């Protein structure tokens, strides 16, 4: 509906409201609210900006609805309509810059909510929600009044919670709003001290215990924080307080913001923040190296990384005379037994008959696993050399309880190397390689894993793979879980004899 139509509707409703009946007046308030919204919307429209005209109808709509709220027209639906009118008014006043008018109107709303909560106890819950919202709006207009509104909301919620323990989640929400309001314009230490004083005055020991037993489903948490607590089997706030920061970072998908959010919820009920914890001790010798395998990690952050690298793999084999083949059980007249445990070093310098699997476990990198070149001489992996002309590539080669070797390829050449142990029979490198840059591995890997933590985990292949997002297994380990559609088969093209 355009502005002209809404303005005509306001005029009609104003004429009908002369009798001052509740139905007519509330209908007028709805029309005024719609007009204010439409006028505010002109700020970002192509027509003339009429935002300044929104203040008068928005203020009138608030006044009408507050009048009937204090007169006893109390219901959850009507309380929502009052909040909607206040939101539109606050938005219009903020656009125009009428701070004092906005503050005075929202103060009037706070007085109305306090009065209704006293005279109509059945509406106390919606009044508490209204006071909390008014406290948020007043933070930048009148911080002291904002704190008073938030305190009254907590006071009302405290009484409701004492009468009904199932109200713990809503009481926590009002406590959170109070603490955030106290943080505005104050030092953190001072704000926390003021919060604790209010909390102690309004919350009995029995209520505190009930709050700490609040289930995480009842708490206002982001999806990431809820997922982290659920994965660590923390059903309540009290159980969450026994976790460590390291558990959140390395056993879930959580990050520092997750830790901060959980610490905030714990502080509301007087539980200490999460302890730092400690990473597992690094292995003292390479006997922690797990299953033998070999694979490549190709760093590519493009949205279609998997498709790009698949095309590059096909091109690499084509350059060495191998073409894609239908998935068969034989390659080069040899039956595929790709789940065999023993790996053999492939010293061939050109690609040929092979089976390749691509996986993208983490964004930003694609794992390339070859059956015939699972283990290749350090710095001479033919597929890594091909792919590194376009992207950084790191080859991983593990021999159980014996060695763990990493080689970084760039620009079509091997450039960096790191290893623990080395299998017997390896030929010496043609030229020395620089030490592997562990700081780069930390940047590519798990969030907030430091270079020191990555270095400490080197040699413990499962932990190292988790921190760096490098492969932790090869194509043989994936044999049972991979559908045929994820595999590519290559066979050496045989030239026909010329008669």
Protein backbone atom coordinates (compact mmCIF):
# COMPACT_ATOMS: atom_id res chain seq x y z
CA UNK A 1 0.00 0.00 0.00
CA UNK A 2 1.41 3.43 -0.95
CA UNK A 3 1.75 6.41 1.39
CA UNK A 4 -1.28 8.22 0.04
CA UNK A 5 -3.54 5.24 0.76
CA UNK A 6 -2.18 4.89 4.29
CA UNK A 7 -2.65 8.62 4.96
CA UNK A 8 -6.29 8.39 3.78
CA UNK A 9 -6.81 5.38 6.06
CA UNK A 10 -5.36 7.33 9.03
CA UNK A 11 -7.77 10.19 8.32
CA UNK A 12 -10.74 7.80 8.18
CA UNK A 13 -9.71 6.02 11.39
CA UNK A 14 -9.17 9.35 13.16
CA UNK A 15 -12.71 10.38 12.33
CA UNK A 16 -14.06 7.07 13.57
CA UNK A 17 -12.09 7.37 16.84
CA UNK A 18 -13.92 10.51 17.96
CA UNK A 19 -16.17 8.33 20.13
CA UNK A 20 -12.99 7.22 22.01
CA UNK A 21 -14.00 3.56 22.01
CA UNK A 22 -11.18 1.11 22.55
CA UNK A 23 -11.72 -0.64 19.21
CA UNK A 24 -11.65 2.59 17.19
CA UNK A 25 -8.67 4.02 19.05
CA UNK A 26 -6.59 0.86 18.70
CA UNK A 27 -7.46 0.72 15.00
CA UNK A 28 -6.20 4.31 14.69
CA UNK A 29 -3.02 3.36 16.54
CA UNK A 30 -2.43 0.52 14.04
CA UNK A 31 -2.90 2.88 11.08
CA UNK A 32 -0.56 5.46 12.65
CA UNK A 33 2.07 2.76 13.22
CA UNK A 34 1.79 1.62 9.59
CA UNK A 35 2.16 5.23 8.42
CA UNK A 36 5.26 5.73 10.56
CA UNK A 37 6.82 2.55 9.16
CA UNK A 38 6.12 3.66 5.60
CA UNK A 39 7.61 7.10 6.24
CA UNK A 40 10.75 5.60 7.80
CA UNK A 41 11.09 3.34 4.76
CA UNK A 42 11.43 6.39 2.48
CA UNK A 43 14.92 6.98 3.88
CA UNK A 44 16.33 4.24 1.67
CA UNK A 45 13.85 4.56 -1.18
CA UNK A 46 14.11 6.33 -4.51
CA UNK A 47 11.38 8.86 -3.61
CA UNK A 48 11.64 11.90 -1.37
CA UNK A 49 12.99 11.21 2.15
CA UNK A 50 10.07 11.82 4.54
CA UNK A 51 11.61 10.19 7.62
CA UNK A 52 11.18 13.37 9.70
CA UNK A 53 7.38 13.12 9.32
CA UNK A 54 7.36 9.65 10.93
CA UNK A 55 7.96 10.93 14.45
CA UNK A 56 4.49 12.42 15.09
CA UNK A 57 2.38 9.39 14.05
CA UNK A 58 4.79 7.01 15.81
CA UNK A 59 4.59 8.99 19.06
CA UNK A 60 0.80 9.18 18.86
CA UNK A 61 0.53 5.42 18.28
CA UNK A 62 2.71 4.78 21.34
CA UNK A 63 0.61 7.15 23.49
CA UNK A 64 -2.67 5.47 22.48
CA UNK A 65 -1.43 1.95 23.12
CA UNK A 66 0.22 2.84 26.45
CA UNK A 67 -3.04 4.51 27.58
CA UNK A 68 -5.05 1.36 26.99
CA UNK A 69 -2.33 -0.86 28.45
CA UNK A 70 -2.49 1.03 31.77
CA UNK A 71 -6.28 1.01 31.55
CA UNK A 72 -6.24 -2.78 31.82
CA UNK A 73 -6.11 -3.97 28.21
CA UNK A 74 -3.41 -6.54 28.96
CA UNK A 75 -2.58 -9.56 26.86
CA UNK A 76 0.55 -11.04 25.31
CA UNK A 77 -0.61 -10.03 21.82
CA UNK A 78 -1.34 -6.44 22.81
CA UNK A 79 1.96 -6.19 24.69
CA UNK A 80 3.68 -7.17 21.44
CA UNK A 81 1.79 -4.39 19.64
CA UNK A 82 2.97 -1.88 22.26
CA UNK A 83 6.55 -3.01 21.72
CA UNK A 84 6.12 -2.71 17.96
CA UNK A 85 4.93 0.89 18.30
CA UNK A 86 7.83 1.72 20.63
CA UNK A 87 10.32 0.14 18.21
CA UNK A 88 9.04 2.22 15.27
CA UNK A 89 9.10 5.39 17.40
CA UNK A 90 12.65 4.71 18.62
CA UNK A 91 13.78 4.09 15.04
CA UNK A 92 12.20 7.32 13.78
CA UNK A 93 13.63 9.36 16.65
CA UNK A 94 17.09 7.89 16.07
CA UNK A 95 17.03 8.76 12.37
CA UNK A 96 16.03 12.35 13.13
CA UNK A 97 18.25 12.76 16.20
CA UNK A 98 15.55 13.67 18.77
CA UNK A 99 17.32 12.05 21.70
CA UNK A 100 15.46 13.82 24.51
CA UNK A 101 12.02 13.19 23.01
CA UNK A 102 12.90 9.52 22.53
CA UNK A 103 14.20 9.23 26.09
CA UNK A 104 11.09 10.88 27.59
CA UNK A 105 8.70 8.65 25.63
CA UNK A 106 10.54 5.45 26.55
CA UNK A 107 10.65 6.57 30.22
CA UNK A 108 6.85 6.93 30.03
CA UNK A 109 6.64 3.39 28.71
CA UNK A 110 8.76 2.16 31.63
CA UNK A 111 6.39 3.84 34.11
CA UNK A 112 3.44 2.22 32.36
CA UNK A 113 5.02 -1.23 32.50
CA UNK A 114 5.80 -0.84 36.22
CA UNK A 115 2.22 0.24 36.95
CA UNK A 116 0.66 -2.62 34.98
CA UNK A 117 2.97 -5.20 36.57
CA UNK A 118 1.74 -3.96 39.99
CA UNK A 119 -1.97 -3.70 39.19
CA UNK A 120 -2.26 -6.73 36.90
CA UNK A 121 0.03 -9.52 38.20
CA UNK A 122 -1.09 -11.82 35.38
CA UNK A 123 0.70 -9.45 32.96
CA UNK A 124 3.93 -9.28 34.95
CA UNK A 125 5.82 -11.47 32.48
CA UNK A 126 5.09 -9.31 29.42
CA UNK A 127 5.86 -6.19 31.47
CA UNK A 128 9.26 -7.61 32.41
CA UNK A 129 10.00 -8.25 28.73
CA UNK A 130 8.96 -4.68 27.92
CA UNK A 131 11.17 -3.20 30.62
CA UNK A 132 14.16 -5.22 29.39
CA UNK A 133 13.64 -3.94 25.85
CA UNK A 134 13.24 -0.36 27.05
CA UNK A 135 16.47 -0.76 29.01
CA UNK A 136 18.26 -1.73 25.79
CA UNK A 137 16.85 1.30 23.93
CA UNK A 138 17.76 3.68 26.76
CA UNK A 139 21.40 2.53 27.01
CA UNK A 140 22.68 5.28 24.74
CA UNK A 141 19.99 7.83 25.67
CA UNK A 142 19.91 7.63 29.48
CA UNK A 143 22.20 4.91 30.94
CA UNK A 144 20.98 5.37 34.53
CA UNK A 145 17.32 4.96 33.57
CA UNK A 146 18.31 2.01 31.40
CA UNK A 147 19.85 0.28 34.42
CA UNK A 148 16.75 1.03 36.52
CA UNK A 149 14.49 -0.49 33.84
CA UNK A 150 16.66 -3.61 33.56
CA UNK A 151 16.77 -3.98 37.36
CA UNK A 152 12.97 -3.79 37.56
CA UNK A 153 12.71 -6.43 34.84
CA UNK A 154 15.03 -8.70 36.84
CA UNK A 155 13.05 -8.02 40.01
CA UNK A 156 9.80 -9.06 38.34
CA UNK A 157 11.41 -12.14 36.78
CA UNK A 158 12.90 -13.07 40.15
CA UNK A 159 9.45 -13.21 41.73
CA UNK A 160 8.09 -15.25 38.83
CA UNK A 161 11.05 -17.64 39.00
CA UNK A 162 10.70 -18.09 42.75
CA UNK A 163 7.07 -19.10 42.19
CA UNK A 164 7.78 -21.28 39.16
CA UNK A 165 11.20 -22.96 38.74
CA UNK A 166 10.47 -23.54 35.04
CA UNK A 167 11.05 -19.80 34.50
CA UNK A 168 14.84 -20.20 34.93
CA UNK A 169 15.62 -19.60 31.25
CA UNK A 170 13.72 -16.30 31.15
CA UNK A 171 15.29 -15.20 34.43
CA UNK A 172 18.74 -15.87 32.96
CA UNK A 173 17.83 -13.81 29.89
CA UNK A 174 16.83 -10.82 32.05
CA UNK A 175 20.03 -11.18 34.10
CA UNK A 176 22.07 -11.15 30.89
CA UNK A 177 20.36 -7.93 29.74
CA UNK A 178 21.06 -6.32 33.12
CA UNK A 179 24.76 -7.17 33.00
CA UNK A 180 25.10 -5.85 29.44
CA UNK A 181 23.31 -2.66 30.46
CA UNK A 182 25.67 -2.19 33.42
CA UNK A 183 28.65 -2.60 31.09
CA UNK A 184 27.71 0.56 29.17
CA UNK A 185 29.91 3.45 30.30
CA UNK A 186 31.52 1.55 33.19
CA UNK A 187 34.69 -0.41 33.79
CA UNK A 188 34.11 -4.15 33.58
CA UNK A 189 35.14 -4.68 37.20
CA UNK A 190 32.70 -2.03 38.44
CA UNK A 191 29.86 -3.39 36.27
CA UNK A 192 30.40 -6.95 37.49
CA UNK A 193 30.47 -5.80 41.13
CA UNK A 194 27.16 -3.94 40.69
CA UNK A 195 25.64 -6.97 38.97
CA UNK A 196 26.73 -9.32 41.76
CA UNK A 197 25.17 -7.03 44.34
CA UNK A 198 21.83 -7.06 42.52
CA UNK A 199 22.04 -10.80 41.89
CA UNK A 200 22.71 -11.57 45.56
CA UNK A 201 19.81 -9.38 46.67
CA UNK A 202 17.27 -11.01 44.35
CA UNK A 203 18.45 -14.63 44.04
CA UNK A 204 18.28 -17.11 46.90
CA UNK A 205 20.76 -20.01 47.19
CA UNK A 206 18.01 -22.40 46.11
CA UNK A 207 17.33 -20.28 43.03
CA UNK A 208 21.05 -20.16 42.23
CA UNK A 209 21.28 -23.94 42.39
CA UNK A 210 18.26 -24.25 40.12
CA UNK A 211 19.83 -21.79 37.66
CA UNK A 212 23.04 -23.81 37.55
CA UNK A 213 20.96 -26.89 36.75
CA UNK A 214 19.23 -25.14 33.85
CA UNK A 215 19.42 -27.32 30.77
CA UNK A 216 21.26 -25.86 27.80
CA UNK A 217 18.12 -26.26 25.65
CA UNK A 218 16.47 -23.57 27.80
CA UNK A 219 19.35 -21.08 27.49
CA UNK A 220 19.65 -18.49 24.74
CA UNK A 221 22.80 -19.82 23.03
CA UNK A 222 24.10 -19.53 19.49
CA UNK A 223 24.02 -22.71 17.41
CA UNK A 224 27.82 -23.07 17.63
CA UNK A 225 27.90 -22.82 21.44
CA UNK A 226 24.95 -25.16 21.84
CA UNK A 227 26.57 -27.65 19.46
CA UNK A 228 29.87 -27.52 21.38
CA UNK A 229 28.19 -28.18 24.75
CA UNK A 230 26.03 -30.93 23.29
CA UNK A 231 29.04 -32.66 21.72
CA UNK A 232 30.86 -32.61 25.07
CA UNK A 233 27.73 -33.99 26.77
CA UNK A 234 27.17 -30.96 28.99
CA UNK A 235 23.47 -30.97 29.77
CA UNK A 236 23.54 -28.08 32.29
CA UNK A 237 25.40 -24.85 33.05
CA UNK A 238 27.00 -26.45 36.09
CA UNK A 239 28.43 -29.25 33.93
CA UNK A 240 29.65 -26.71 31.37
CA UNK A 241 31.68 -24.99 34.09
CA UNK A 242 33.88 -28.09 34.40
CA UNK A 243 35.10 -27.90 30.81
CA UNK A 244 38.35 -26.33 29.64
CA UNK A 245 39.03 -23.92 26.80
CA UNK A 246 41.16 -26.56 25.07
CA UNK A 247 38.21 -28.97 25.01
CA UNK A 248 36.06 -26.36 23.28
CA UNK A 249 38.77 -25.54 20.72
CA UNK A 250 40.01 -29.01 19.86
CA UNK A 251 37.14 -31.39 20.59
CA UNK A 252 34.34 -29.34 19.02
CA UNK A 253 33.82 -26.84 16.20
CA UNK A 254 33.94 -24.02 18.76
CA UNK A 255 36.28 -21.02 18.72
CA UNK A 256 37.18 -18.09 20.99
CA UNK A 257 33.74 -16.51 20.55
CA UNK A 258 32.20 -19.79 21.79
CA UNK A 259 34.38 -19.69 24.90
CA UNK A 260 33.44 -16.05 25.50
CA UNK A 261 29.71 -16.79 25.21
CA UNK A 262 29.88 -19.77 27.57
CA UNK A 263 31.93 -17.75 30.07
CA UNK A 264 29.28 -15.02 29.95
CA UNK A 265 26.50 -17.48 30.82
CA UNK A 266 28.60 -18.96 33.63
CA UNK A 267 29.29 -15.50 35.09
CA UNK A 268 25.55 -14.84 35.31
CA UNK A 269 25.17 -17.58 37.92
CA UNK A 270 28.49 -17.07 39.72
CA UNK A 271 30.49 -19.90 38.11
CA UNK A 272 34.16 -19.25 37.32
CA UNK A 273 35.18 -18.97 33.63
CA UNK A 274 36.50 -22.00 31.77
CA UNK A 275 40.04 -23.00 32.75
CA UNK A 276 42.62 -22.89 29.93
CA UNK A 277 43.41 -26.61 30.12
CA UNK A 278 46.35 -28.15 28.31
CA UNK A 279 47.09 -29.95 25.07
CA UNK A 280 48.09 -33.61 25.31
CA UNK A 281 51.81 -34.11 25.83
CA UNK A 282 53.68 -34.46 22.51
CA UNK A 283 55.20 -37.88 21.78
CA UNK A 284 58.81 -38.38 22.80
CA UNK A 285 59.56 -40.59 19.77
CA UNK A 286 57.91 -41.38 16.44
CA UNK A 287 56.32 -44.60 17.67
CA UNK A 288 53.05 -42.62 17.88
CA UNK A 289 52.92 -42.56 14.07
CA UNK A 290 49.75 -44.34 13.03
CA UNK A 291 48.74 -46.38 9.99
CA UNK A 292 50.99 -46.38 6.94
CA UNK A 293 49.58 -44.22 4.16
CA UNK A 294 50.37 -41.50 1.64
CA UNK A 295 48.30 -38.61 0.29
CA UNK A 296 48.49 -35.04 -1.05
CA UNK A 297 46.87 -31.90 0.34
CA UNK A 298 46.21 -29.24 -2.30
CA UNK A 299 45.52 -25.75 -0.94
CA UNK A 300 42.74 -24.14 -3.00
CA UNK A 301 40.15 -21.74 -1.55
CA UNK A 302 38.00 -21.38 -4.69
CA UNK A 303 34.30 -22.25 -4.30
CA UNK A 304 34.69 -24.90 -7.01
CA UNK A 305 38.04 -26.18 -5.72
CA UNK A 306 37.04 -29.83 -6.07
CA UNK A 307 36.06 -29.42 -9.72
CA UNK A 308 39.19 -27.39 -10.54
CA UNK A 309 41.51 -29.95 -8.98
CA UNK A 310 39.67 -32.86 -10.61
CA UNK A 311 40.27 -31.23 -14.02
CA UNK A 312 43.92 -30.60 -13.11
CA UNK A 313 44.43 -34.25 -12.09
CA UNK A 314 42.96 -35.45 -15.41
CA UNK A 315 45.25 -33.02 -17.26
CA UNK A 316 48.30 -34.23 -15.28
CA UNK A 317 47.70 -37.87 -16.25
CA UNK A 318 46.93 -36.87 -19.84
CA UNK A 319 50.28 -35.06 -20.04
CA UNK A 320 52.01 -38.34 -19.18
CA UNK A 321 49.93 -40.37 -21.64
CA UNK A 322 47.24 -41.78 -19.32
CA UNK A 323 43.55 -41.31 -20.06
CA UNK A 324 40.46 -41.66 -17.84
CA UNK A 325 38.94 -45.14 -17.95
CA UNK A 326 35.70 -46.66 -16.79
CA UNK A 327 35.90 -48.08 -13.28
CA UNK A 328 37.23 -51.58 -13.78
CA UNK A 329 38.75 -54.21 -11.52
CA UNK A 330 42.02 -54.33 -13.46
CA UNK A 331 44.64 -51.68 -14.20
CA UNK A 332 47.53 -52.51 -16.52
CA UNK A 333 46.40 -56.15 -16.64
CA UNK A 334 46.86 -56.36 -12.83
CA UNK A 335 43.91 -56.98 -10.54
CA UNK A 336 43.26 -54.10 -8.13
CA UNK A 337 43.79 -55.18 -4.53
CA UNK A 338 43.66 -51.68 -3.12
CA UNK A 339 42.97 -52.60 0.46
CA UNK A 340 46.33 -54.35 0.83
CA UNK A 341 48.23 -53.26 3.93
CA UNK A 342 51.74 -53.19 2.46
CA UNK A 343 52.83 -50.07 0.58
CA UNK A 344 55.55 -50.00 -2.01
CA UNK A 345 57.69 -47.03 -2.98
CA UNK A 346 56.92 -46.05 -6.58
CA UNK A 347 60.03 -44.53 -8.18
CA UNK A 348 58.48 -43.99 -11.61
CA UNK A 349 58.78 -40.37 -12.75
CA UNK A 350 55.76 -40.39 -15.07
CA UNK A 351 52.13 -41.06 -14.24
CA UNK A 352 50.40 -44.10 -15.67
CA UNK A 353 47.84 -46.74 -14.67
CA UNK A 354 46.27 -45.54 -11.44
CA UNK A 355 43.17 -44.99 -9.34
CA UNK A 356 42.67 -41.57 -7.70
CA UNK A 357 40.28 -40.39 -5.01
CA UNK A 358 39.48 -36.73 -4.23
CA UNK A 359 37.99 -35.53 -0.94
CA UNK A 360 37.28 -32.08 0.51
CA UNK A 361 37.04 -32.59 4.25
CA UNK A 362 37.78 -28.95 5.15
CA UNK A 363 37.19 -25.70 3.22
CA UNK A 364 40.32 -24.38 1.54
CA UNK A 365 42.01 -27.71 0.82
CA UNK A 366 41.39 -30.85 -1.22
CA UNK A 367 42.93 -34.24 -0.42
CA UNK A 368 44.21 -36.19 -3.43
CA UNK A 369 44.86 -39.91 -2.86
CA UNK A 370 46.58 -42.08 -5.49
CA UNK A 371 46.74 -45.88 -5.38
CA UNK A 372 49.93 -46.41 -7.39
CA UNK A 373 51.77 -43.27 -6.19
CA UNK A 374 50.63 -43.42 -2.58
CA UNK A 375 54.31 -43.43 -1.58
CA UNK A 376 56.83 -41.72 -3.89
CA UNK A 377 60.42 -40.54 -3.36
CA UNK A 378 60.61 -37.31 -1.35
CA UNK A 379 60.44 -34.29 -3.63
CA UNK A 380 59.70 -36.42 -6.71
CA UNK A 381 56.00 -37.23 -6.45
CA UNK A 382 54.91 -36.82 -10.11
CA UNK A 383 51.31 -35.84 -9.34
CA UNK A 384 52.41 -33.33 -6.69
CA UNK A 385 54.86 -31.79 -9.17
CA UNK A 386 52.07 -31.37 -11.75
CA UNK A 387 49.50 -29.89 -9.34
CA UNK A 388 51.99 -27.54 -7.65
CA UNK A 389 52.31 -25.52 -10.85
CA UNK A 390 48.91 -24.03 -9.89
CA UNK A 391 48.51 -24.52 -6.13
CA UNK A 392 50.64 -25.18 -3.03
CA UNK A 393 50.78 -28.92 -2.40
CA UNK A 394 51.95 -30.82 0.70
CA UNK A 395 52.65 -34.54 0.43
CA UNK A 396 52.24 -36.70 3.52
CA UNK A 397 53.90 -40.11 3.75
CA UNK A 398 53.63 -42.17 6.94
CA UNK A 399 55.21 -45.55 7.66
CA UNK A 400 53.73 -47.06 10.81
CA UNK A 401 55.98 -46.66 13.89
CA UNK A 402 58.89 -45.68 11.63
CA UNK A 403 58.61 -42.35 9.79
CA UNK A 404 56.40 -39.35 9.08
CA UNK A 405 57.48 -37.23 6.11
CA UNK A 406 56.07 -33.97 4.75
CA UNK A 407 57.18 -32.22 1.57
CA UNK A 408 55.88 -28.90 0.28
CA UNK A 409 55.72 -28.31 -3.47
CA UNK A 410 55.32 -24.92 -5.18
CA UNK A 411 55.85 -23.75 -8.73
CA UNK A 412 56.33 -27.31 -9.96
CA UNK A 413 59.20 -28.02 -7.55
CA UNK A 414 59.76 -29.39 -4.05
CA UNK A 415 60.71 -26.49 -1.76
CA UNK A 416 60.37 -27.53 1.92
CA UNK A 417 60.68 -30.75 3.90
CA UNK A 418 60.21 -32.08 7.43
CA UNK A 419 60.36 -35.61 8.79
CA UNK A 420 60.62 -37.82 11.83
CA UNK A 421 62.57 -40.97 10.95
CA UNK A 422 63.18 -42.13 7.39
CA UNK A 423 62.54 -45.52 5.76
CA UNK A 424 65.61 -47.48 4.70
CA UNK A 425 66.57 -47.49 1.04
CA UNK A 426 65.52 -43.92 0.21
CA UNK A 427 67.83 -42.28 -2.29
CA UNK A 428 69.42 -38.98 -1.22
CA UNK A 429 67.71 -35.77 -2.29
CA UNK A 430 69.07 -34.13 -5.42
CA UNK A 431 69.32 -30.82 -3.59
CA UNK A 432 68.75 -29.75 0.01
CA UNK A 433 65.25 -28.52 0.81
CA UNK A 434 64.36 -25.73 3.25
CA UNK A 435 62.76 -26.69 6.60
CA UNK A 436 58.98 -26.87 6.48
CA UNK A 437 57.28 -23.66 7.62
CA UNK A 438 55.11 -24.74 10.57
CA UNK A 439 53.64 -21.24 10.92
CA UNK A 440 52.05 -21.64 7.48
CA UNK A 441 50.60 -25.00 8.53
CA UNK A 442 49.08 -23.32 11.60
CA UNK A 443 47.53 -20.59 9.42
CA UNK A 444 45.93 -23.15 7.11
CA UNK A 445 44.84 -25.50 9.89
CA UNK A 446 42.45 -25.46 12.82
CA UNK A 447 41.31 -22.14 14.27
CA UNK A 448 43.63 -20.70 16.91
CA UNK A 449 46.17 -23.55 16.78
CA UNK A 450 49.52 -21.81 17.30
CA UNK A 451 52.78 -22.64 15.57
CA UNK A 452 54.09 -23.96 18.90
CA UNK A 453 51.14 -26.34 19.26
CA UNK A 454 51.59 -27.58 15.68
CA UNK A 455 55.31 -28.20 16.24
CA UNK A 456 54.61 -30.06 19.49
CA UNK A 457 52.14 -32.38 17.76
CA UNK A 458 54.51 -33.27 14.91
CA UNK A 459 55.15 -37.01 15.12
CA UNK A 460 51.73 -37.79 16.58
CA UNK A 461 50.07 -38.19 13.20
CA UNK A 462 46.35 -38.16 14.30
CA UNK A 463 46.77 -35.01 16.42
CA UNK A 464 49.00 -33.34 13.82
CA UNK A 465 46.43 -34.01 11.10
CA UNK A 466 43.65 -32.52 13.26
CA UNK A 467 45.59 -29.31 13.92
CA UNK A 468 46.83 -28.82 10.34
CA UNK A 469 43.94 -30.31 8.34
CA UNK A 470 46.48 -32.47 6.49
CA UNK A 471 45.47 -36.01 5.44
CA UNK A 472 45.31 -38.60 8.20
CA UNK A 473 44.80 -41.61 5.94
CA UNK A 474 45.25 -42.80 2.36
CA UNK A 475 43.18 -44.38 -0.35
CA UNK A 476 43.49 -47.88 1.13
CA UNK A 477 41.93 -46.80 4.43
CA UNK A 478 39.05 -45.23 2.50
CA UNK A 479 38.37 -48.35 0.44
CA UNK A 480 35.29 -49.51 2.29
CA UNK A 481 33.62 -46.12 2.69
CA UNK A 482 34.09 -44.49 -0.72
CA UNK A 483 31.39 -44.81 -3.39
CA UNK A 484 32.56 -45.59 -6.92
CA UNK A 485 31.39 -42.19 -8.13
CA UNK A 486 34.20 -40.53 -6.13
CA UNK A 487 36.93 -42.49 -7.89
CA UNK A 488 38.82 -41.79 -11.10
CA UNK A 489 40.56 -44.56 -13.05
CA UNK A 490 43.44 -43.90 -15.43
CA UNK A 491 45.08 -46.23 -17.92
CA UNK A 492 48.15 -45.75 -20.05
CA UNK A 493 47.16 -45.18 -23.66
CA UNK A 494 48.54 -47.98 -25.85
CA UNK A 495 49.62 -46.90 -29.31
CA UNK A 496 48.31 -49.12 -32.12
CA UNK A 497 50.92 -50.75 -34.33
CA UNK A 498 51.13 -49.30 -37.84
CA UNK A 499 50.94 -51.87 -40.65
